[in-house]
Amino acid sequence: MDNKPRFSLGSKVLYAILVIFILLMFWPASRTVLQQGLMKIGLFKPKVEQKDVKADEDNSEAVAGESMTLVDAEGNTVNTADLKGKVVFLNFWATWCGPCVAEMPSIQRLIEKMGDQQDVEFLLVEVEGDMTVAQEFLQKQKLKLPVYVPEGNIPETWMSGAIPATVVLDKDGRRVFTHKGMADYSDPEFMKYLQKLAAE
């Protein structure tokens, strides 16, 4: 008679990890924690290309003329076209979007690390357009972020239905960075990228 155990210790550990992983993927709060953990170990870095887009007029990213109007919590409106002379960081998100929620603390850390820099404007756009819900959500998450809602259409090249989506405009109002999906924006390389654009 074979007295060998049916499952080895290694198999049991592997099954336990698999079960935990499945639970984490289907439990929203845990999924956010898992995603943030993956960002902390270096995954989901925003890919920035250090190149002179001004010298590359054929570059599809370097398109000027796209703009949108946004409204802040006090009812003030701003059009991105009026922010020329500044680097503009636009992040499109929604309260129900897990990856959006996961990356928001990294955006707050980026803003804090950048400090009071007059040449960079941060605009976090809640795509559902409900400022009350957005404000309540941020308060619950203990986040202090410059939130706006869209007034009118969002350019398709900035957000083609998928969120989170992030766009950076240079001082000439040209789109020089586009990222679809979650990213760790507190990454030092990304901060250097924004500082370089602001210094141009």
N, C-alpha and C. Protein backbone atom coordinates (compact mmCIF):
# COMPACT_ATOMS: atom_id res chain seq x y z
N MET A 1 0.85 -1.20 0.00
CA MET A 1 0.00 0.00 0.00
C MET A 1 0.89 1.25 0.00
N ASP A 2 0.52 2.18 -0.83
CA ASP A 2 1.30 3.42 -0.96
C ASP A 2 0.83 4.43 0.08
N ASN A 3 1.73 4.79 1.01
CA ASN A 3 1.39 5.75 2.07
C ASN A 3 1.82 7.17 1.74
N LYS A 4 2.19 7.44 0.50
CA LYS A 4 2.62 8.79 0.11
C LYS A 4 1.44 9.76 0.20
N PRO A 5 1.68 10.97 0.70
CA PRO A 5 0.59 11.95 0.73
C PRO A 5 0.13 12.30 -0.69
N ARG A 6 -1.15 12.59 -0.82
CA ARG A 6 -1.70 12.91 -2.15
C ARG A 6 -1.10 14.18 -2.72
N PHE A 7 -0.87 15.15 -1.85
CA PHE A 7 -0.32 16.44 -2.30
C PHE A 7 0.94 16.75 -1.50
N SER A 8 1.96 17.17 -2.19
CA SER A 8 3.19 17.56 -1.50
C SER A 8 2.99 18.94 -0.87
N LEU A 9 3.90 19.30 0.03
CA LEU A 9 3.84 20.60 0.68
C LEU A 9 3.89 21.73 -0.36
N GLY A 10 4.75 21.55 -1.37
CA GLY A 10 4.87 22.56 -2.43
C GLY A 10 3.56 22.76 -3.17
N SER A 11 2.86 21.66 -3.46
CA SER A 11 1.56 21.74 -4.15
C SER A 11 0.53 22.47 -3.30
N LYS A 12 0.52 22.18 -1.99
CA LYS A 12 -0.44 22.83 -1.09
C LYS A 12 -0.19 24.34 -1.04
N VAL A 13 1.09 24.72 -0.97
CA VAL A 13 1.43 26.15 -0.95
C VAL A 13 1.00 26.82 -2.24
N LEU A 14 1.25 26.13 -3.36
CA LEU A 14 0.87 26.67 -4.66
C LEU A 14 -0.64 26.86 -4.77
N TYR A 15 -1.41 25.87 -4.30
CA TYR A 15 -2.88 25.97 -4.32
C TYR A 15 -3.35 27.10 -3.41
N ALA A 16 -2.72 27.25 -2.23
CA ALA A 16 -3.11 28.32 -1.30
C ALA A 16 -2.87 29.69 -1.93
N ILE A 17 -1.71 29.86 -2.59
CA ILE A 17 -1.40 31.13 -3.26
C ILE A 17 -2.41 31.39 -4.37
N LEU A 18 -2.76 30.37 -5.12
CA LEU A 18 -3.72 30.51 -6.21
C LEU A 18 -5.09 30.94 -5.69
N VAL A 19 -5.54 30.32 -4.59
CA VAL A 19 -6.84 30.67 -4.00
C VAL A 19 -6.83 32.13 -3.51
N ILE A 20 -5.74 32.53 -2.83
CA ILE A 20 -5.61 33.92 -2.35
C ILE A 20 -5.63 34.89 -3.52
N PHE A 21 -4.91 34.56 -4.58
CA PHE A 21 -4.85 35.42 -5.75
C PHE A 21 -6.24 35.58 -6.38
N ILE A 22 -6.98 34.49 -6.48
CA ILE A 22 -8.34 34.55 -7.06
C ILE A 22 -9.25 35.41 -6.20
N LEU A 23 -9.16 35.23 -4.86
CA LEU A 23 -9.97 36.06 -3.96
C LEU A 23 -9.63 37.53 -4.10
N LEU A 24 -8.33 37.83 -4.20
CA LEU A 24 -7.90 39.22 -4.36
C LEU A 24 -8.42 39.83 -5.65
N MET A 25 -8.46 39.04 -6.71
CA MET A 25 -8.90 39.56 -8.01
C MET A 25 -10.39 39.88 -8.04
N PHE A 26 -11.18 39.16 -7.20
CA PHE A 26 -12.62 39.37 -7.25
C PHE A 26 -13.17 40.20 -6.09
N TRP A 27 -12.33 40.55 -5.14
CA TRP A 27 -12.74 41.41 -4.03
C TRP A 27 -12.16 42.79 -4.29
N PRO A 28 -12.98 43.78 -4.67
CA PRO A 28 -12.49 45.07 -5.17
C PRO A 28 -11.46 45.75 -4.27
N ALA A 29 -11.71 45.82 -2.97
CA ALA A 29 -10.77 46.51 -2.09
C ALA A 29 -9.41 45.83 -2.10
N SER A 30 -9.42 44.51 -2.08
CA SER A 30 -8.16 43.76 -2.09
C SER A 30 -7.46 43.89 -3.44
N ARG A 31 -8.26 43.96 -4.50
CA ARG A 31 -7.68 44.10 -5.84
C ARG A 31 -6.90 45.42 -5.95
N THR A 32 -7.45 46.49 -5.37
CA THR A 32 -6.77 47.78 -5.38
C THR A 32 -5.45 47.69 -4.62
N VAL A 33 -5.47 47.03 -3.46
CA VAL A 33 -4.25 46.86 -2.66
C VAL A 33 -3.22 46.06 -3.44
N LEU A 34 -3.67 45.01 -4.12
CA LEU A 34 -2.76 44.18 -4.93
C LEU A 34 -2.15 45.02 -6.06
N GLN A 35 -2.98 45.81 -6.74
CA GLN A 35 -2.48 46.65 -7.84
C GLN A 35 -1.48 47.68 -7.34
N GLN A 36 -1.76 48.28 -6.18
CA GLN A 36 -0.82 49.25 -5.62
C GLN A 36 0.48 48.59 -5.22
N GLY A 37 0.39 47.36 -4.71
CA GLY A 37 1.59 46.60 -4.36
C GLY A 37 2.45 46.31 -5.59
N LEU A 38 1.81 45.96 -6.69
CA LEU A 38 2.53 45.70 -7.93
C LEU A 38 3.22 46.96 -8.45
N MET A 39 2.56 48.12 -8.25
CA MET A 39 3.18 49.38 -8.66
C MET A 39 4.41 49.68 -7.81
N LYS A 40 4.32 49.38 -6.50
CA LYS A 40 5.43 49.67 -5.59
C LYS A 40 6.68 48.85 -5.90
N ILE A 41 6.49 47.65 -6.46
CA ILE A 41 7.66 46.83 -6.77
C ILE A 41 8.23 47.13 -8.16
N GLY A 42 7.69 48.16 -8.79
CA GLY A 42 8.29 48.62 -10.05
C GLY A 42 7.52 48.27 -11.30
N LEU A 43 6.39 47.58 -11.16
CA LEU A 43 5.57 47.31 -12.34
C LEU A 43 4.70 48.54 -12.63
N PHE A 44 4.21 48.64 -13.83
CA PHE A 44 3.30 49.72 -14.25
C PHE A 44 3.95 51.10 -14.21
N LYS A 45 5.24 51.17 -14.59
CA LYS A 45 5.88 52.47 -14.70
C LYS A 45 5.40 53.14 -15.98
N PRO A 46 5.11 54.44 -15.93
CA PRO A 46 4.73 55.13 -17.17
C PRO A 46 5.94 55.25 -18.09
N LYS A 47 5.78 54.85 -19.33
CA LYS A 47 6.90 54.87 -20.27
C LYS A 47 7.01 56.26 -20.89
N VAL A 48 8.13 56.91 -20.59
CA VAL A 48 8.37 58.23 -21.16
C VAL A 48 9.55 58.14 -22.11
N GLU A 49 9.43 58.82 -23.22
CA GLU A 49 10.51 58.84 -24.20
C GLU A 49 11.15 60.21 -24.17
N GLN A 50 12.43 60.23 -23.88
CA GLN A 50 13.15 61.50 -23.82
C GLN A 50 13.56 61.91 -25.23
N LYS A 51 12.67 62.62 -25.91
CA LYS A 51 13.01 63.11 -27.25
C LYS A 51 12.41 64.49 -27.46
N ASP A 52 12.94 65.18 -28.39
CA ASP A 52 12.49 66.54 -28.67
C ASP A 52 11.34 66.49 -29.67
N VAL A 53 10.10 66.54 -29.15
CA VAL A 53 8.94 66.46 -30.04
C VAL A 53 8.83 67.71 -30.90
N LYS A 54 9.40 68.81 -30.46
CA LYS A 54 9.32 70.05 -31.23
C LYS A 54 10.06 69.91 -32.56
N ALA A 55 11.10 69.08 -32.55
CA ALA A 55 11.88 68.89 -33.78
C ALA A 55 11.26 67.85 -34.69
N ASP A 56 10.20 67.22 -34.22
CA ASP A 56 9.58 66.13 -34.99
C ASP A 56 8.13 66.49 -35.31
N GLU A 57 7.94 67.29 -36.31
CA GLU A 57 6.61 67.78 -36.63
C GLU A 57 5.69 66.67 -37.16
N ASP A 58 6.27 65.54 -37.61
CA ASP A 58 5.44 64.44 -38.11
C ASP A 58 4.98 63.51 -36.99
N ASN A 59 5.49 63.72 -35.79
CA ASN A 59 5.13 62.87 -34.66
C ASN A 59 3.63 63.02 -34.37
N SER A 60 2.89 61.90 -34.33
CA SER A 60 1.45 61.95 -34.12
C SER A 60 1.10 62.48 -32.73
N GLU A 61 2.04 62.35 -31.78
CA GLU A 61 1.78 62.87 -30.44
C GLU A 61 1.80 64.40 -30.44
N ALA A 62 2.59 64.99 -31.32
CA ALA A 62 2.79 66.44 -31.30
C ALA A 62 1.72 67.16 -32.10
N VAL A 63 0.48 67.00 -31.67
CA VAL A 63 -0.65 67.62 -32.37
C VAL A 63 -1.21 68.73 -31.49
N ALA A 64 -1.18 69.94 -31.97
CA ALA A 64 -1.76 71.05 -31.22
C ALA A 64 -3.20 71.26 -31.68
N GLY A 65 -3.95 72.02 -30.94
CA GLY A 65 -5.32 72.35 -31.35
C GLY A 65 -6.39 71.55 -30.64
N GLU A 66 -6.02 70.43 -30.04
CA GLU A 66 -7.01 69.66 -29.26
C GLU A 66 -7.17 70.36 -27.91
N SER A 67 -8.41 70.50 -27.47
CA SER A 67 -8.63 71.13 -26.18
C SER A 67 -9.99 70.70 -25.63
N MET A 68 -10.21 70.99 -24.36
CA MET A 68 -11.50 70.73 -23.75
C MET A 68 -11.71 71.70 -22.59
N THR A 69 -12.97 71.91 -22.24
CA THR A 69 -13.32 72.78 -21.13
C THR A 69 -13.67 71.93 -19.92
N LEU A 70 -13.16 72.34 -18.76
CA LEU A 70 -13.38 71.62 -17.50
C LEU A 70 -13.94 72.56 -16.45
N VAL A 71 -14.63 71.97 -15.47
CA VAL A 71 -15.22 72.74 -14.37
C VAL A 71 -14.70 72.18 -13.06
N ASP A 72 -14.25 73.07 -12.14
CA ASP A 72 -13.76 72.60 -10.84
C ASP A 72 -14.88 72.58 -9.80
N ALA A 73 -14.53 72.25 -8.56
CA ALA A 73 -15.53 72.10 -7.49
C ALA A 73 -16.24 73.41 -7.16
N GLU A 74 -15.60 74.55 -7.44
CA GLU A 74 -16.23 75.86 -7.16
C GLU A 74 -17.04 76.38 -8.34
N GLY A 75 -17.07 75.62 -9.43
CA GLY A 75 -17.82 76.05 -10.61
C GLY A 75 -17.02 76.88 -11.59
N ASN A 76 -15.72 77.04 -11.32
CA ASN A 76 -14.86 77.78 -12.24
C ASN A 76 -14.54 76.92 -13.47
N THR A 77 -14.53 77.55 -14.64
CA THR A 77 -14.21 76.81 -15.86
C THR A 77 -12.81 77.13 -16.34
N VAL A 78 -12.19 76.14 -16.96
CA VAL A 78 -10.87 76.33 -17.55
C VAL A 78 -10.84 75.54 -18.86
N ASN A 79 -10.29 76.16 -19.88
CA ASN A 79 -10.09 75.45 -21.14
C ASN A 79 -8.61 75.14 -21.25
N THR A 80 -8.29 73.92 -21.64
CA THR A 80 -6.89 73.52 -21.71
C THR A 80 -6.10 74.39 -22.69
N ALA A 81 -6.77 74.93 -23.70
CA ALA A 81 -6.09 75.80 -24.67
C ALA A 81 -5.58 77.08 -24.01
N ASP A 82 -6.23 77.48 -22.89
CA ASP A 82 -5.82 78.69 -22.18
C ASP A 82 -4.63 78.44 -21.25
N LEU A 83 -4.20 77.20 -21.16
CA LEU A 83 -3.09 76.86 -20.26
C LEU A 83 -1.75 76.79 -20.99
N LYS A 84 -1.72 77.28 -22.23
CA LYS A 84 -0.44 77.31 -22.95
C LYS A 84 0.57 78.12 -22.14
N GLY A 85 1.81 77.67 -22.16
CA GLY A 85 2.82 78.26 -21.30
C GLY A 85 3.06 77.42 -20.07
N LYS A 86 2.17 76.42 -19.87
CA LYS A 86 2.32 75.47 -18.77
C LYS A 86 2.33 74.05 -19.31
N VAL A 87 2.96 73.15 -18.57
CA VAL A 87 2.85 71.72 -18.85
C VAL A 87 1.57 71.26 -18.16
N VAL A 88 0.72 70.52 -18.88
CA VAL A 88 -0.58 70.11 -18.34
C VAL A 88 -0.64 68.59 -18.24
N PHE A 89 -0.87 68.11 -17.02
CA PHE A 89 -1.04 66.68 -16.74
C PHE A 89 -2.54 66.43 -16.58
N LEU A 90 -3.12 65.66 -17.49
CA LEU A 90 -4.55 65.34 -17.46
C LEU A 90 -4.72 63.84 -17.19
N ASN A 91 -5.49 63.52 -16.16
CA ASN A 91 -5.77 62.12 -15.85
C ASN A 91 -7.28 61.92 -15.86
N PHE A 92 -7.74 60.95 -16.65
CA PHE A 92 -9.17 60.66 -16.78
C PHE A 92 -9.50 59.43 -15.94
N TRP A 93 -10.51 59.57 -15.06
CA TRP A 93 -10.80 58.50 -14.10
C TRP A 93 -12.29 58.49 -13.76
N ALA A 94 -12.69 57.46 -13.00
CA ALA A 94 -14.06 57.37 -12.47
C ALA A 94 -13.99 56.67 -11.12
N THR A 95 -14.95 56.95 -10.26
CA THR A 95 -14.94 56.39 -8.90
C THR A 95 -15.09 54.87 -8.90
N TRP A 96 -15.74 54.31 -9.92
CA TRP A 96 -15.98 52.86 -9.96
C TRP A 96 -14.84 52.09 -10.63
N CYS A 97 -13.82 52.78 -11.09
CA CYS A 97 -12.72 52.17 -11.84
C CYS A 97 -11.58 51.78 -10.88
N GLY A 98 -11.42 50.48 -10.64
CA GLY A 98 -10.40 49.98 -9.72
C GLY A 98 -8.99 50.44 -10.04
N PRO A 99 -8.51 50.28 -11.29
CA PRO A 99 -7.16 50.75 -11.62
C PRO A 99 -6.99 52.26 -11.44
N CYS A 100 -8.07 53.03 -11.66
CA CYS A 100 -8.01 54.48 -11.44
C CYS A 100 -7.74 54.76 -9.97
N VAL A 101 -8.49 54.07 -9.12
CA VAL A 101 -8.36 54.25 -7.67
C VAL A 101 -6.96 53.83 -7.22
N ALA A 102 -6.45 52.74 -7.80
CA ALA A 102 -5.13 52.23 -7.42
C ALA A 102 -4.01 53.22 -7.72
N GLU A 103 -4.12 53.96 -8.83
CA GLU A 103 -3.02 54.86 -9.21
C GLU A 103 -3.13 56.25 -8.58
N MET A 104 -4.29 56.59 -8.02
CA MET A 104 -4.48 57.95 -7.50
C MET A 104 -3.50 58.35 -6.39
N PRO A 105 -3.18 57.47 -5.43
CA PRO A 105 -2.18 57.87 -4.43
C PRO A 105 -0.83 58.21 -5.06
N SER A 106 -0.49 57.54 -6.16
CA SER A 106 0.79 57.85 -6.82
C SER A 106 0.75 59.24 -7.46
N ILE A 107 -0.42 59.65 -7.96
CA ILE A 107 -0.56 60.99 -8.53
C ILE A 107 -0.45 62.03 -7.42
N GLN A 108 -1.05 61.74 -6.27
CA GLN A 108 -0.94 62.67 -5.15
C GLN A 108 0.52 62.80 -4.70
N ARG A 109 1.25 61.68 -4.65
CA ARG A 109 2.67 61.74 -4.29
C ARG A 109 3.46 62.55 -5.31
N LEU A 110 3.14 62.38 -6.60
CA LEU A 110 3.81 63.16 -7.65
C LEU A 110 3.59 64.65 -7.43
N ILE A 111 2.34 65.04 -7.18
CA ILE A 111 2.01 66.46 -6.97
C ILE A 111 2.77 67.00 -5.76
N GLU A 112 2.81 66.21 -4.68
CA GLU A 112 3.52 66.64 -3.47
C GLU A 112 5.02 66.79 -3.73
N LYS A 113 5.59 65.84 -4.48
CA LYS A 113 7.03 65.89 -4.78
C LYS A 113 7.37 67.06 -5.70
N MET A 114 6.48 67.36 -6.64
CA MET A 114 6.72 68.48 -7.56
C MET A 114 6.67 69.82 -6.82
N GLY A 115 5.91 69.86 -5.74
CA GLY A 115 5.82 71.09 -4.95
C GLY A 115 5.08 72.19 -5.68
N ASP A 116 5.30 73.41 -5.26
CA ASP A 116 4.60 74.56 -5.83
C ASP A 116 5.31 75.00 -7.11
N GLN A 117 5.06 74.26 -8.17
CA GLN A 117 5.69 74.55 -9.46
C GLN A 117 4.66 75.24 -10.36
N GLN A 118 4.92 76.50 -10.66
CA GLN A 118 3.96 77.30 -11.42
C GLN A 118 3.82 76.87 -12.87
N ASP A 119 4.82 76.17 -13.39
CA ASP A 119 4.81 75.78 -14.81
C ASP A 119 4.09 74.47 -15.10
N VAL A 120 3.56 73.81 -14.07
CA VAL A 120 2.88 72.52 -14.27
C VAL A 120 1.49 72.57 -13.66
N GLU A 121 0.50 72.16 -14.44
CA GLU A 121 -0.90 72.15 -14.00
C GLU A 121 -1.40 70.71 -13.98
N PHE A 122 -2.00 70.30 -12.86
CA PHE A 122 -2.56 68.96 -12.73
C PHE A 122 -4.09 69.05 -12.78
N LEU A 123 -4.69 68.27 -13.68
CA LEU A 123 -6.14 68.25 -13.84
C LEU A 123 -6.61 66.80 -13.83
N LEU A 124 -7.32 66.39 -12.79
CA LEU A 124 -7.86 65.04 -12.72
C LEU A 124 -9.33 65.10 -13.09
N VAL A 125 -9.68 64.48 -14.21
CA VAL A 125 -11.01 64.64 -14.80
C VAL A 125 -11.87 63.42 -14.50
N GLU A 126 -12.92 63.63 -13.69
CA GLU A 126 -13.87 62.56 -13.36
C GLU A 126 -14.85 62.46 -14.53
N VAL A 127 -14.73 61.39 -15.32
CA VAL A 127 -15.42 61.33 -16.61
C VAL A 127 -16.93 61.20 -16.52
N GLU A 128 -17.46 60.78 -15.37
CA GLU A 128 -18.92 60.67 -15.23
C GLU A 128 -19.57 62.04 -15.07
N GLY A 129 -18.78 63.05 -14.71
CA GLY A 129 -19.30 64.41 -14.63
C GLY A 129 -20.05 64.74 -13.36
N ASP A 130 -19.90 63.93 -12.32
CA ASP A 130 -20.61 64.18 -11.06
C ASP A 130 -19.62 64.65 -9.99
N MET A 131 -19.51 65.96 -9.82
CA MET A 131 -18.53 66.52 -8.89
C MET A 131 -18.83 66.14 -7.44
N THR A 132 -20.10 66.07 -7.07
CA THR A 132 -20.47 65.72 -5.69
C THR A 132 -19.96 64.33 -5.35
N VAL A 133 -20.23 63.37 -6.22
CA VAL A 133 -19.77 61.99 -6.00
C VAL A 133 -18.26 61.94 -5.96
N ALA A 134 -17.60 62.69 -6.86
CA ALA A 134 -16.14 62.71 -6.92
C ALA A 134 -15.55 63.26 -5.63
N GLN A 135 -16.12 64.35 -5.11
CA GLN A 135 -15.62 64.97 -3.88
C GLN A 135 -15.81 64.03 -2.68
N GLU A 136 -16.97 63.39 -2.61
CA GLU A 136 -17.24 62.44 -1.51
C GLU A 136 -16.27 61.27 -1.57
N PHE A 137 -16.00 60.81 -2.78
CA PHE A 137 -15.08 59.69 -2.97
C PHE A 137 -13.67 60.07 -2.50
N LEU A 138 -13.18 61.24 -2.90
CA LEU A 138 -11.84 61.68 -2.51
C LEU A 138 -11.72 61.84 -1.01
N GLN A 139 -12.79 62.36 -0.39
CA GLN A 139 -12.78 62.53 1.06
C GLN A 139 -12.70 61.16 1.75
N LYS A 140 -13.44 60.20 1.25
CA LYS A 140 -13.43 58.84 1.81
C LYS A 140 -12.05 58.20 1.65
N GLN A 141 -11.41 58.46 0.51
CA GLN A 141 -10.09 57.88 0.23
C GLN A 141 -8.95 58.70 0.86
N LYS A 142 -9.30 59.83 1.50
CA LYS A 142 -8.32 60.72 2.13
C LYS A 142 -7.29 61.23 1.11
N LEU A 143 -7.81 61.65 -0.04
CA LEU A 143 -6.98 62.18 -1.11
C LEU A 143 -7.32 63.65 -1.34
N LYS A 144 -6.30 64.45 -1.61
CA LYS A 144 -6.50 65.86 -1.93
C LYS A 144 -5.95 66.07 -3.33
N LEU A 145 -6.83 66.04 -4.30
CA LEU A 145 -6.43 66.14 -5.70
C LEU A 145 -7.26 67.20 -6.43
N PRO A 146 -6.68 67.88 -7.41
CA PRO A 146 -7.41 68.90 -8.17
C PRO A 146 -8.36 68.25 -9.18
N VAL A 147 -9.60 68.04 -8.75
CA VAL A 147 -10.58 67.31 -9.56
C VAL A 147 -11.45 68.26 -10.36
N TYR A 148 -11.71 67.84 -11.60
CA TYR A 148 -12.56 68.59 -12.53
C TYR A 148 -13.54 67.63 -13.18
N VAL A 149 -14.60 68.19 -13.74
CA VAL A 149 -15.52 67.41 -14.56
C VAL A 149 -15.56 68.04 -15.95
N PRO A 150 -15.78 67.22 -16.97
CA PRO A 150 -15.77 67.77 -18.33
C PRO A 150 -17.03 68.58 -18.64
N GLU A 151 -16.85 69.64 -19.39
CA GLU A 151 -17.99 70.39 -19.92
C GLU A 151 -17.88 70.28 -21.44
N GLY A 152 -18.58 69.32 -21.98
CA GLY A 152 -18.46 69.03 -23.41
C GLY A 152 -17.67 67.76 -23.64
N ASN A 153 -17.29 67.55 -24.88
CA ASN A 153 -16.63 66.30 -25.25
C ASN A 153 -15.15 66.27 -24.90
N ILE A 154 -14.69 65.06 -24.59
CA ILE A 154 -13.26 64.82 -24.38
C ILE A 154 -12.67 64.39 -25.72
N PRO A 155 -11.57 65.01 -26.17
CA PRO A 155 -10.97 64.58 -27.45
C PRO A 155 -10.69 63.07 -27.46
N GLU A 156 -11.06 62.41 -28.54
CA GLU A 156 -10.89 60.96 -28.64
C GLU A 156 -9.43 60.54 -28.55
N THR A 157 -8.53 61.39 -29.01
CA THR A 157 -7.11 61.05 -28.94
C THR A 157 -6.59 61.10 -27.51
N TRP A 158 -7.34 61.75 -26.61
CA TRP A 158 -6.94 61.81 -25.21
C TRP A 158 -7.51 60.64 -24.43
N MET A 159 -8.76 60.29 -24.71
CA MET A 159 -9.41 59.18 -24.01
C MET A 159 -10.39 58.52 -24.96
N SER A 160 -10.03 57.34 -25.44
CA SER A 160 -10.88 56.66 -26.42
C SER A 160 -11.75 55.60 -25.75
N GLY A 161 -12.36 55.94 -24.62
CA GLY A 161 -13.27 55.02 -23.94
C GLY A 161 -12.63 54.25 -22.80
N ALA A 162 -11.32 54.08 -22.80
CA ALA A 162 -10.65 53.32 -21.76
C ALA A 162 -10.14 54.24 -20.66
N ILE A 163 -10.38 53.84 -19.41
CA ILE A 163 -9.81 54.58 -18.28
C ILE A 163 -9.15 53.58 -17.34
N PRO A 164 -8.16 54.02 -16.58
CA PRO A 164 -7.60 55.36 -16.57
C PRO A 164 -6.81 55.67 -17.84
N ALA A 165 -6.79 56.92 -18.17
CA ALA A 165 -6.00 57.40 -19.30
C ALA A 165 -5.34 58.71 -18.87
N THR A 166 -4.09 58.87 -19.26
CA THR A 166 -3.34 60.07 -18.86
C THR A 166 -2.68 60.69 -20.08
N VAL A 167 -2.76 62.02 -20.14
CA VAL A 167 -2.19 62.79 -21.24
C VAL A 167 -1.35 63.92 -20.64
N VAL A 168 -0.22 64.21 -21.27
CA VAL A 168 0.57 65.38 -20.89
C VAL A 168 0.68 66.28 -22.11
N LEU A 169 0.38 67.56 -21.91
CA LEU A 169 0.53 68.56 -22.95
C LEU A 169 1.75 69.40 -22.63
N ASP A 170 2.54 69.73 -23.67
CA ASP A 170 3.69 70.59 -23.43
C ASP A 170 3.25 72.05 -23.38
N LYS A 171 4.20 72.95 -23.24
CA LYS A 171 3.86 74.36 -23.09
C LYS A 171 3.22 74.97 -24.34
N ASP A 172 3.35 74.29 -25.47
CA ASP A 172 2.70 74.74 -26.71
C ASP A 172 1.33 74.12 -26.89
N GLY A 173 0.87 73.35 -25.90
CA GLY A 173 -0.44 72.71 -25.97
C GLY A 173 -0.46 71.43 -26.78
N ARG A 174 0.72 70.89 -27.08
CA ARG A 174 0.79 69.66 -27.87
C ARG A 174 0.86 68.44 -26.96
N ARG A 175 0.18 67.40 -27.38
CA ARG A 175 0.15 66.15 -26.62
C ARG A 175 1.47 65.42 -26.83
N VAL A 176 2.27 65.34 -25.76
CA VAL A 176 3.59 64.73 -25.87
C VAL A 176 3.68 63.40 -25.12
N PHE A 177 2.64 63.06 -24.38
CA PHE A 177 2.62 61.81 -23.63
C PHE A 177 1.19 61.31 -23.53
N THR A 178 0.98 60.02 -23.82
CA THR A 178 -0.32 59.39 -23.67
C THR A 178 -0.11 58.02 -23.04
N HIS A 179 -0.87 57.73 -22.00
CA HIS A 179 -0.78 56.40 -21.38
C HIS A 179 -2.19 55.90 -21.08
N LYS A 180 -2.51 54.71 -21.58
CA LYS A 180 -3.81 54.09 -21.30
C LYS A 180 -3.57 52.99 -20.27
N GLY A 181 -4.35 53.00 -19.21
CA GLY A 181 -4.19 52.01 -18.15
C GLY A 181 -3.49 52.60 -16.93
N MET A 182 -3.38 51.75 -15.91
CA MET A 182 -2.83 52.15 -14.63
C MET A 182 -1.32 52.37 -14.71
N ALA A 183 -0.83 53.33 -13.93
CA ALA A 183 0.62 53.58 -13.88
C ALA A 183 0.99 54.21 -12.55
N ASP A 184 2.25 54.04 -12.17
CA ASP A 184 2.78 54.66 -10.96
C ASP A 184 3.43 55.98 -11.35
N TYR A 185 2.68 57.07 -11.18
CA TYR A 185 3.18 58.38 -11.60
C TYR A 185 4.13 59.03 -10.59
N SER A 186 4.34 58.37 -9.45
CA SER A 186 5.33 58.89 -8.50
C SER A 186 6.73 58.40 -8.85
N ASP A 187 6.85 57.65 -9.94
CA ASP A 187 8.14 57.16 -10.41
C ASP A 187 9.08 58.35 -10.67
N PRO A 188 10.32 58.32 -10.12
CA PRO A 188 11.24 59.45 -10.29
C PRO A 188 11.50 59.84 -11.74
N GLU A 189 11.54 58.84 -12.64
CA GLU A 189 11.79 59.16 -14.06
C GLU A 189 10.66 59.99 -14.65
N PHE A 190 9.43 59.70 -14.23
CA PHE A 190 8.30 60.47 -14.75
C PHE A 190 8.34 61.91 -14.21
N MET A 191 8.71 62.06 -12.94
CA MET A 191 8.82 63.40 -12.38
C MET A 191 9.90 64.21 -13.11
N LYS A 192 11.03 63.56 -13.41
CA LYS A 192 12.10 64.24 -14.16
C LYS A 192 11.60 64.65 -15.55
N TYR A 193 10.77 63.79 -16.14
CA TYR A 193 10.21 64.08 -17.47
C TYR A 193 9.37 65.35 -17.42
N LEU A 194 8.50 65.47 -16.41
CA LEU A 194 7.67 66.68 -16.28
C LEU A 194 8.52 67.91 -16.01
N GLN A 195 9.54 67.75 -15.17
CA GLN A 195 10.43 68.88 -14.86
C GLN A 195 11.19 69.34 -16.10
N LYS A 196 11.59 68.38 -16.93
CA LYS A 196 12.30 68.72 -18.17
C LYS A 196 11.38 69.51 -19.10
N LEU A 197 10.14 69.04 -19.24
CA LEU A 197 9.18 69.77 -20.09
C LEU A 197 8.93 71.17 -19.55
N ALA A 198 8.84 71.29 -18.21
CA ALA A 198 8.57 72.59 -17.61
C ALA A 198 9.73 73.56 -17.79
N ALA A 199 10.94 73.01 -17.92
CA ALA A 199 12.14 73.87 -18.06
C ALA A 199 12.35 74.33 -19.49
N GLU A 200 11.64 73.74 -20.45
CA GLU A 200 11.84 74.09 -21.87
C GLU A 200 11.21 75.43 -22.21
